[in-house]
Amino acid sequence: MNNYSKLENNLEKLYLNKINDNIDQYIDLINKNKKNFIDALYEYPEGQVSFKDENAKLSLIRIAGFPYNKTFEDFDLPYQAFQRDF
């Protein structure tokens, strides 16, 4: 088994799926000298971190028992401003 396969297996065992999905892209960027190794190594796990943060946020919303995730765009601000005037 080569090191590439071992790396993929280790990432899978650690549940780093977003990193595992993008591994080929980062290898190509490094090989084509479009990114240096340190920059690629820094950016590489950023996708996984943001993915985990988003999942944690959604889990907290589900645990709180909200029926759905309401965003700022979901509010009818002119209607609510009208109701406050009375």
PDB file of N, CA and C in Angstrom:
ATOM      1  N   MET A   1       0.840  -1.170   0.000  1.00  0.00           N
ATOM      2  CA  MET A   1       0.000   0.000   0.000  1.00  0.00           C
ATOM      3  C   MET A   1       0.893   1.244   0.000  1.00  0.00           C
ATOM      4  N   ASN A   2       0.622   2.165  -0.907  1.00  0.00           N
ATOM      5  CA  ASN A   2       1.450   3.372  -0.995  1.00  0.00           C
ATOM      6  C   ASN A   2       0.978   4.428   0.014  1.00  0.00           C
ATOM      7  N   ASN A   3       1.775   5.468   0.156  1.00  0.00           N
ATOM      8  CA  ASN A   3       1.471   6.507   1.148  1.00  0.00           C
ATOM      9  C   ASN A   3       0.206   7.283   0.817  1.00  0.00           C
ATOM     10  N   TYR A   4      -0.087   7.451  -0.469  1.00  0.00           N
ATOM     11  CA  TYR A   4      -1.312   8.154  -0.867  1.00  0.00           C
ATOM     12  C   TYR A   4      -2.544   7.400  -0.361  1.00  0.00           C
ATOM     13  N   SER A   5      -2.554   6.098  -0.533  1.00  0.00           N
ATOM     14  CA  SER A   5      -3.678   5.280  -0.051  1.00  0.00           C
ATOM     15  C   SER A   5      -3.767   5.306   1.469  1.00  0.00           C
ATOM     16  N   LYS A   6      -2.610   5.274   2.125  1.00  0.00           N
ATOM     17  CA  LYS A   6      -2.596   5.350   3.585  1.00  0.00           C
ATOM     18  C   LYS A   6      -3.160   6.687   4.062  1.00  0.00           C
ATOM     19  N   LEU A   7      -2.784   7.766   3.374  1.00  0.00           N
ATOM     20  CA  LEU A   7      -3.304   9.087   3.722  1.00  0.00           C
ATOM     21  C   LEU A   7      -4.817   9.128   3.566  1.00  0.00           C
ATOM     22  N   GLU A   8      -5.327   8.625   2.464  1.00  0.00           N
ATOM     23  CA  GLU A   8      -6.780   8.599   2.259  1.00  0.00           C
ATOM     24  C   GLU A   8      -7.471   7.774   3.337  1.00  0.00           C
ATOM     25  N   ASN A   9      -6.907   6.633   3.693  1.00  0.00           N
ATOM     26  CA  ASN A   9      -7.499   5.795   4.738  1.00  0.00           C
ATOM     27  C   ASN A   9      -7.485   6.499   6.092  1.00  0.00           C
ATOM     28  N   ASN A  10      -6.385   7.185   6.403  1.00  0.00           N
ATOM     29  CA  ASN A  10      -6.307   7.898   7.683  1.00  0.00           C
ATOM     30  C   ASN A  10      -7.309   9.045   7.744  1.00  0.00           C
ATOM     31  N   LEU A  11      -7.453   9.771   6.651  1.00  0.00           N
ATOM     32  CA  LEU A  11      -8.433  10.857   6.616  1.00  0.00           C
ATOM     33  C   LEU A  11      -9.857  10.315   6.775  1.00  0.00           C
ATOM     34  N   GLU A  12     -10.100   9.167   6.185  1.00  0.00           N
ATOM     35  CA  GLU A  12     -11.423   8.547   6.320  1.00  0.00           C
ATOM     36  C   GLU A  12     -11.671   8.093   7.757  1.00  0.00           C
ATOM     37  N   LYS A  13     -10.667   7.517   8.393  1.00  0.00           N
ATOM     38  CA  LYS A  13     -10.806   7.080   9.785  1.00  0.00           C
ATOM     39  C   LYS A  13     -11.046   8.260  10.725  1.00  0.00           C
ATOM     40  N   LEU A  14     -10.454   9.403  10.397  1.00  0.00           N
ATOM     41  CA  LEU A  14     -10.610  10.598  11.227  1.00  0.00           C
ATOM     42  C   LEU A  14     -11.863  11.399  10.867  1.00  0.00           C
ATOM     43  N   TYR A  15     -12.644  10.897   9.924  1.00  0.00           N
ATOM     44  CA  TYR A  15     -13.871  11.552   9.459  1.00  0.00           C
ATOM     45  C   TYR A  15     -13.594  12.948   8.900  1.00  0.00           C
ATOM     46  N   LEU A  16     -12.502  13.086   8.194  1.00  0.00           N
ATOM     47  CA  LEU A  16     -12.144  14.345   7.543  1.00  0.00           C
ATOM     48  C   LEU A  16     -12.527  14.257   6.064  1.00  0.00           C
ATOM     49  N   ASN A  17     -13.809  14.138   5.832  1.00  0.00           N
ATOM     50  CA  ASN A  17     -14.313  13.879   4.481  1.00  0.00           C
ATOM     51  C   ASN A  17     -14.077  15.038   3.522  1.00  0.00           C
ATOM     52  N   LYS A  18     -14.250  16.270   3.979  1.00  0.00           N
ATOM     53  CA  LYS A  18     -14.027  17.421   3.096  1.00  0.00           C
ATOM     54  C   LYS A  18     -12.563  17.504   2.671  1.00  0.00           C
ATOM     55  N   ILE A  19     -11.672  17.193   3.568  1.00  0.00           N
ATOM     56  CA  ILE A  19     -10.247  17.192   3.224  1.00  0.00           C
ATOM     57  C   ILE A  19      -9.971  16.086   2.214  1.00  0.00           C
ATOM     58  N   ASN A  20     -10.526  14.928   2.453  1.00  0.00           N
ATOM     59  CA  ASN A  20     -10.310  13.791   1.563  1.00  0.00           C
ATOM     60  C   ASN A  20     -10.878  14.063   0.167  1.00  0.00           C
ATOM     61  N   ASP A  21     -11.981  14.815   0.093  1.00  0.00           N
ATOM     62  CA  ASP A  21     -12.582  15.121  -1.207  1.00  0.00           C
ATOM     63  C   ASP A  21     -11.708  16.050  -2.045  1.00  0.00           C
ATOM     64  N   ASN A  22     -10.937  16.916  -1.401  1.00  0.00           N
ATOM     65  CA  ASN A  22     -10.155  17.931  -2.115  1.00  0.00           C
ATOM     66  C   ASN A  22      -8.679  17.611  -2.241  1.00  0.00           C
ATOM     67  N   ILE A  23      -8.263  16.448  -1.836  1.00  0.00           N
ATOM     68  CA  ILE A  23      -6.833  16.130  -1.806  1.00  0.00           C
ATOM     69  C   ILE A  23      -6.188  16.205  -3.190  1.00  0.00           C
ATOM     70  N   ASP A  24      -6.867  15.718  -4.204  1.00  0.00           N
ATOM     71  CA  ASP A  24      -6.293  15.719  -5.550  1.00  0.00           C
ATOM     72  C   ASP A  24      -6.109  17.136  -6.083  1.00  0.00           C
ATOM     73  N   GLN A  25      -7.040  18.019  -5.786  1.00  0.00           N
ATOM     74  CA  GLN A  25      -6.926  19.408  -6.246  1.00  0.00           C
ATOM     75  C   GLN A  25      -5.702  20.086  -5.642  1.00  0.00           C
ATOM     76  N   TYR A  26      -5.483  19.874  -4.350  1.00  0.00           N
ATOM     77  CA  TYR A  26      -4.333  20.509  -3.704  1.00  0.00           C
ATOM     78  C   TYR A  26      -3.011  19.914  -4.178  1.00  0.00           C
ATOM     79  N   ILE A  27      -2.993  18.634  -4.432  1.00  0.00           N
ATOM     80  CA  ILE A  27      -1.772  18.014  -4.973  1.00  0.00           C
ATOM     81  C   ILE A  27      -1.460  18.600  -6.342  1.00  0.00           C
ATOM     82  N   ASP A  28      -2.491  18.774  -7.178  1.00  0.00           N
ATOM     83  CA  ASP A  28      -2.276  19.366  -8.502  1.00  0.00           C
ATOM     84  C   ASP A  28      -1.780  20.805  -8.398  1.00  0.00           C
ATOM     85  N   LEU A  29      -2.357  21.597  -7.492  1.00  0.00           N
ATOM     86  CA  LEU A  29      -1.919  22.987  -7.328  1.00  0.00           C
ATOM     87  C   LEU A  29      -0.457  23.069  -6.894  1.00  0.00           C
ATOM     88  N   ILE A  30      -0.056  22.187  -6.015  1.00  0.00           N
ATOM     89  CA  ILE A  30       1.332  22.170  -5.554  1.00  0.00           C
ATOM     90  C   ILE A  30       2.258  21.726  -6.682  1.00  0.00           C
ATOM     91  N   ASN A  31       1.873  20.684  -7.410  1.00  0.00           N
ATOM     92  CA  ASN A  31       2.712  20.175  -8.496  1.00  0.00           C
ATOM     93  C   ASN A  31       2.862  21.170  -9.637  1.00  0.00           C
ATOM     94  N   LYS A  32       1.837  21.988  -9.878  1.00  0.00           N
ATOM     95  CA  LYS A  32       1.891  22.981 -10.951  1.00  0.00           C
ATOM     96  C   LYS A  32       2.489  24.304 -10.460  1.00  0.00           C
ATOM     97  N   ASN A  33       2.967  24.327  -9.232  1.00  0.00           N
ATOM     98  CA  ASN A  33       3.569  25.513  -8.619  1.00  0.00           C
ATOM     99  C   ASN A  33       2.619  26.712  -8.565  1.00  0.00           C
ATOM    100  N   LYS A  34       1.329  26.448  -8.463  1.00  0.00           N
ATOM    101  CA  LYS A  34       0.351  27.527  -8.292  1.00  0.00           C
ATOM    102  C   LYS A  34       0.172  27.864  -6.813  1.00  0.00           C
ATOM    103  N   LYS A  35       0.555  26.946  -5.955  1.00  0.00           N
ATOM    104  CA  LYS A  35       0.541  27.163  -4.501  1.00  0.00           C
ATOM    105  C   LYS A  35       1.802  26.552  -3.934  1.00  0.00           C
ATOM    106  N   ASN A  36       2.377  27.266  -2.951  1.00  0.00           N
ATOM    107  CA  ASN A  36       3.508  26.626  -2.294  1.00  0.00           C
ATOM    108  C   ASN A  36       2.973  25.666  -1.230  1.00  0.00           C
ATOM    109  N   PHE A  37       3.811  24.821  -0.759  1.00  0.00           N
ATOM    110  CA  PHE A  37       3.388  23.734   0.125  1.00  0.00           C
ATOM    111  C   PHE A  37       2.781  24.250   1.427  1.00  0.00           C
ATOM    112  N   ILE A  38       3.395  25.266   2.025  1.00  0.00           N
ATOM    113  CA  ILE A  38       2.916  25.785   3.310  1.00  0.00           C
ATOM    114  C   ILE A  38       1.527  26.405   3.166  1.00  0.00           C
ATOM    115  N   ASP A  39       1.316  27.195   2.101  1.00  0.00           N
ATOM    116  CA  ASP A  39       0.003  27.800   1.878  1.00  0.00           C
ATOM    117  C   ASP A  39      -1.064  26.735   1.650  1.00  0.00           C
ATOM    118  N   ALA A  40      -0.739  25.735   0.869  1.00  0.00           N
ATOM    119  CA  ALA A  40      -1.687  24.654   0.614  1.00  0.00           C
ATOM    120  C   ALA A  40      -1.985  23.878   1.892  1.00  0.00           C
ATOM    121  N   LEU A  41      -0.953  23.651   2.678  1.00  0.00           N
ATOM    122  CA  LEU A  41      -1.135  22.925   3.937  1.00  0.00           C
ATOM    123  C   LEU A  41      -2.008  23.711   4.906  1.00  0.00           C
ATOM    124  N   TYR A  42      -1.894  25.029   4.887  1.00  0.00           N
ATOM    125  CA  TYR A  42      -2.726  25.880   5.742  1.00  0.00           C
ATOM    126  C   TYR A  42      -4.174  25.908   5.244  1.00  0.00           C
ATOM    127  N   GLU A  43      -4.370  26.103   3.935  1.00  0.00           N
ATOM    128  CA  GLU A  43      -5.717  26.216   3.374  1.00  0.00           C
ATOM    129  C   GLU A  43      -6.458  24.883   3.341  1.00  0.00           C
ATOM    130  N   TYR A  44      -5.744  23.826   3.239  1.00  0.00           N
ATOM    131  CA  TYR A  44      -6.322  22.493   3.054  1.00  0.00           C
ATOM    132  C   TYR A  44      -7.359  22.136   4.119  1.00  0.00           C
ATOM    133  N   PRO A  45      -7.069  22.271   5.409  1.00  0.00           N
ATOM    134  CA  PRO A  45      -8.078  21.899   6.405  1.00  0.00           C
ATOM    135  C   PRO A  45      -9.133  22.980   6.664  1.00  0.00           C
ATOM    136  N   GLU A  46      -8.989  24.168   6.075  1.00  0.00           N
ATOM    137  CA  GLU A  46      -9.954  25.236   6.311  1.00  0.00           C
ATOM    138  C   GLU A  46     -11.360  24.821   5.896  1.00  0.00           C
ATOM    139  N   GLY A  47     -11.487  24.093   4.815  1.00  0.00           N
ATOM    140  CA  GLY A  47     -12.808  23.612   4.373  1.00  0.00           C
ATOM    141  C   GLY A  47     -13.438  22.692   5.388  1.00  0.00           C
ATOM    142  N   GLN A  48     -12.638  21.831   5.972  1.00  0.00           N
ATOM    143  CA  GLN A  48     -13.150  20.911   6.996  1.00  0.00           C
ATOM    144  C   GLN A  48     -13.578  21.678   8.240  1.00  0.00           C
ATOM    145  N   VAL A  49     -12.806  22.675   8.625  1.00  0.00           N
ATOM    146  CA  VAL A  49     -13.127  23.459   9.821  1.00  0.00           C
ATOM    147  C   VAL A  49     -14.448  24.199   9.621  1.00  0.00           C
ATOM    148  N   SER A  50     -14.615  24.850   8.476  1.00  0.00           N
ATOM    149  CA  SER A  50     -15.864  25.575   8.233  1.00  0.00           C
ATOM    150  C   SER A  50     -17.042  24.616   8.117  1.00  0.00           C
ATOM    151  N   PHE A  51     -16.826  23.447   7.536  1.00  0.00           N
ATOM    152  CA  PHE A  51     -17.876  22.426   7.444  1.00  0.00           C
ATOM    153  C   PHE A  51     -18.305  21.976   8.838  1.00  0.00           C
ATOM    154  N   LYS A  52     -17.353  21.718   9.713  1.00  0.00           N
ATOM    155  CA  LYS A  52     -17.675  21.285  11.077  1.00  0.00           C
ATOM    156  C   LYS A  52     -18.357  22.394  11.873  1.00  0.00           C
ATOM    157  N   ASP A  53     -17.930  23.638  11.682  1.00  0.00           N
ATOM    158  CA  ASP A  53     -18.573  24.764  12.361  1.00  0.00           C
ATOM    159  C   ASP A  53     -20.034  24.904  11.930  1.00  0.00           C
ATOM    160  N   GLU A  54     -20.280  24.772  10.642  1.00  0.00           N
ATOM    161  CA  GLU A  54     -21.648  24.872  10.126  1.00  0.00           C
ATOM    162  C   GLU A  54     -22.517  23.734  10.667  1.00  0.00           C
ATOM    163  N   ASN A  55     -21.969  22.521  10.704  1.00  0.00           N
ATOM    164  CA  ASN A  55     -22.722  21.392  11.254  1.00  0.00           C
ATOM    165  C   ASN A  55     -23.013  21.582  12.735  1.00  0.00           C
ATOM    166  N   ALA A  56     -22.066  22.136  13.478  1.00  0.00           N
ATOM    167  CA  ALA A  56     -22.279  22.386  14.903  1.00  0.00           C
ATOM    168  C   ALA A  56     -23.389  23.404  15.101  1.00  0.00           C
ATOM    169  N   LYS A  57     -23.399  24.450  14.282  1.00  0.00           N
ATOM    170  CA  LYS A  57     -24.435  25.475  14.376  1.00  0.00           C
ATOM    171  C   LYS A  57     -25.809  24.876  14.084  1.00  0.00           C
ATOM    172  N   LEU A  58     -25.901  24.069  13.040  1.00  0.00           N
ATOM    173  CA  LEU A  58     -27.178  23.451  12.694  1.00  0.00           C
ATOM    174  C   LEU A  58     -27.634  22.471  13.773  1.00  0.00           C
ATOM    175  N   SER A  59     -26.700  21.776  14.397  1.00  0.00           N
ATOM    176  CA  SER A  59     -27.047  20.856  15.482  1.00  0.00           C
ATOM    177  C   SER A  59     -27.612  21.607  16.679  1.00  0.00           C
ATOM    178  N   LEU A  60     -27.025  22.751  16.995  1.00  0.00           N
ATOM    179  CA  LEU A  60     -27.534  23.554  18.113  1.00  0.00           C
ATOM    180  C   LEU A  60     -28.940  24.080  17.827  1.00  0.00           C
ATOM    181  N   ILE A  61     -29.209  24.435  16.585  1.00  0.00           N
ATOM    182  CA  ILE A  61     -30.551  24.888  16.210  1.00  0.00           C
ATOM    183  C   ILE A  61     -31.552  23.747  16.361  1.00  0.00           C
ATOM    184  N   ARG A  62     -31.164  22.540  15.946  1.00  0.00           N
ATOM    185  CA  ARG A  62     -32.063  21.381  16.086  1.00  0.00           C
ATOM    186  C   ARG A  62     -32.296  21.053  17.555  1.00  0.00           C
ATOM    187  N   ILE A  63     -31.240  21.098  18.363  1.00  0.00           N
ATOM    188  CA  ILE A  63     -31.361  20.787  19.789  1.00  0.00           C
ATOM    189  C   ILE A  63     -32.268  21.799  20.486  1.00  0.00           C
ATOM    190  N   ALA A  64     -32.202  23.059  20.057  1.00  0.00           N
ATOM    191  CA  ALA A  64     -33.032  24.105  20.657  1.00  0.00           C
ATOM    192  C   ALA A  64     -34.508  23.898  20.335  1.00  0.00           C
ATOM    193  N   GLY A  65     -34.816  23.081  19.349  1.00  0.00           N
ATOM    194  CA  GLY A  65     -36.204  22.767  19.033  1.00  0.00           C
ATOM    195  C   GLY A  65     -36.858  23.765  18.096  1.00  0.00           C
ATOM    196  N   PHE A  66     -36.071  24.591  17.422  1.00  0.00           N
ATOM    197  CA  PHE A  66     -36.663  25.506  16.455  1.00  0.00           C
ATOM    198  C   PHE A  66     -37.204  24.710  15.275  1.00  0.00           C
ATOM    199  N   PRO A  67     -38.346  25.106  14.732  1.00  0.00           N
ATOM    200  CA  PRO A  67     -38.920  24.329  13.633  1.00  0.00           C
ATOM    201  C   PRO A  67     -38.094  24.391  12.350  1.00  0.00           C
ATOM    202  N   TYR A  68     -37.400  25.514  12.122  1.00  0.00           N
ATOM    203  CA  TYR A  68     -36.528  25.629  10.959  1.00  0.00           C
ATOM    204  C   TYR A  68     -35.537  26.750  11.203  1.00  0.00           C
ATOM    205  N   ASN A  69     -34.554  26.847  10.348  1.00  0.00           N
ATOM    206  CA  ASN A  69     -33.512  27.857  10.478  1.00  0.00           C
ATOM    207  C   ASN A  69     -33.988  29.133   9.793  1.00  0.00           C
ATOM    208  N   LYS A  70     -34.368  30.142  10.571  1.00  0.00           N
ATOM    209  CA  LYS A  70     -34.875  31.398  10.031  1.00  0.00           C
ATOM    210  C   LYS A  70     -33.719  32.378   9.861  1.00  0.00           C
ATOM    211  N   THR A  71     -33.597  32.919   8.667  1.00  0.00           N
ATOM    212  CA  THR A  71     -32.539  33.887   8.386  1.00  0.00           C
ATOM    213  C   THR A  71     -33.110  35.296   8.407  1.00  0.00           C
ATOM    214  N   PHE A  72     -32.242  36.277   8.309  1.00  0.00           N
ATOM    215  CA  PHE A  72     -32.653  37.675   8.323  1.00  0.00           C
ATOM    216  C   PHE A  72     -33.595  37.979   7.162  1.00  0.00           C
ATOM    217  N   GLU A  73     -33.372  37.332   6.020  1.00  0.00           N
ATOM    218  CA  GLU A  73     -34.202  37.559   4.842  1.00  0.00           C
ATOM    219  C   GLU A  73     -35.621  37.020   5.033  1.00  0.00           C
ATOM    220  N   ASP A  74     -35.831  36.117   5.977  1.00  0.00           N
ATOM    221  CA  ASP A  74     -37.150  35.537   6.225  1.00  0.00           C
ATOM    222  C   ASP A  74     -38.085  36.481   6.978  1.00  0.00           C
ATOM    223  N   PHE A  75     -37.563  37.496   7.607  1.00  0.00           N
ATOM    224  CA  PHE A  75     -38.399  38.429   8.361  1.00  0.00           C
ATOM    225  C   PHE A  75     -39.057  39.436   7.423  1.00  0.00           C
ATOM    226  N   ASP A  76     -40.302  39.763   7.703  1.00  0.00           N
ATOM    227  CA  ASP A  76     -41.028  40.772   6.948  1.00  0.00           C
ATOM    228  C   ASP A  76     -40.924  42.076   7.727  1.00  0.00           C
ATOM    229  N   LEU A  77     -39.841  42.786   7.527  1.00  0.00           N
ATOM    230  CA  LEU A  77     -39.560  43.979   8.323  1.00  0.00           C
ATOM    231  C   LEU A  77     -40.567  45.103   8.125  1.00  0.00           C
ATOM    232  N   PRO A  78     -41.015  45.412   6.898  1.00  0.00           N
ATOM    233  CA  PRO A  78     -42.026  46.473   6.774  1.00  0.00           C
ATOM    234  C   PRO A  78     -43.326  46.131   7.513  1.00  0.00           C
ATOM    235  N   TYR A  79     -43.734  44.897   7.491  1.00  0.00           N
ATOM    236  CA  TYR A  79     -44.945  44.478   8.203  1.00  0.00           C
ATOM    237  C   TYR A  79     -44.763  44.649   9.709  1.00  0.00           C
ATOM    238  N   GLN A  80     -43.625  44.237  10.227  1.00  0.00           N
ATOM    239  CA  GLN A  80     -43.388  44.350  11.663  1.00  0.00           C
ATOM    240  C   GLN A  80     -43.272  45.805  12.096  1.00  0.00           C
ATOM    241  N   ALA A  81     -42.710  46.660  11.265  1.00  0.00           N
ATOM    242  CA  ALA A  81     -42.629  48.087  11.592  1.00  0.00           C
ATOM    243  C   ALA A  81     -44.026  48.691  11.594  1.00  0.00           C
ATOM    244  N   PHE A  82     -44.891  48.246  10.708  1.00  0.00           N
ATOM    245  CA  PHE A  82     -46.269  48.725  10.639  1.00  0.00           C
ATOM    246  C   PHE A  82     -47.034  48.318  11.897  1.00  0.00           C
ATOM    247  N   GLN A  83     -46.836  47.103  12.373  1.00  0.00           N
ATOM    248  CA  GLN A  83     -47.529  46.617  13.560  1.00  0.00           C
ATOM    249  C   GLN A  83     -47.108  47.363  14.813  1.00  0.00           C
ATOM    250  N   ARG A  84     -45.887  47.826  14.870  1.00  0.00           N
ATOM    251  CA  ARG A  84     -45.385  48.503  16.053  1.00  0.00           C
ATOM    252  C   ARG A  84     -45.990  49.910  16.194  1.00  0.00           C
ATOM    253  N   ASP A  85     -46.391  50.520  15.095  1.00  0.00           N
ATOM    254  CA  ASP A  85     -46.921  51.879  15.137  1.00  0.00           C
ATOM    255  C   ASP A  85     -48.269  51.959  15.841  1.00  0.00           C
ATOM    256  N   PHE A  86     -48.982  50.870  15.952  1.00  0.00           N
ATOM    257  CA  PHE A  86     -50.315  50.911  16.575  1.00  0.00           C
ATOM    258  C   PHE A  86     -50.275  50.684  18.027  1.00  0.00           C
TER     259      PHE A  86
END
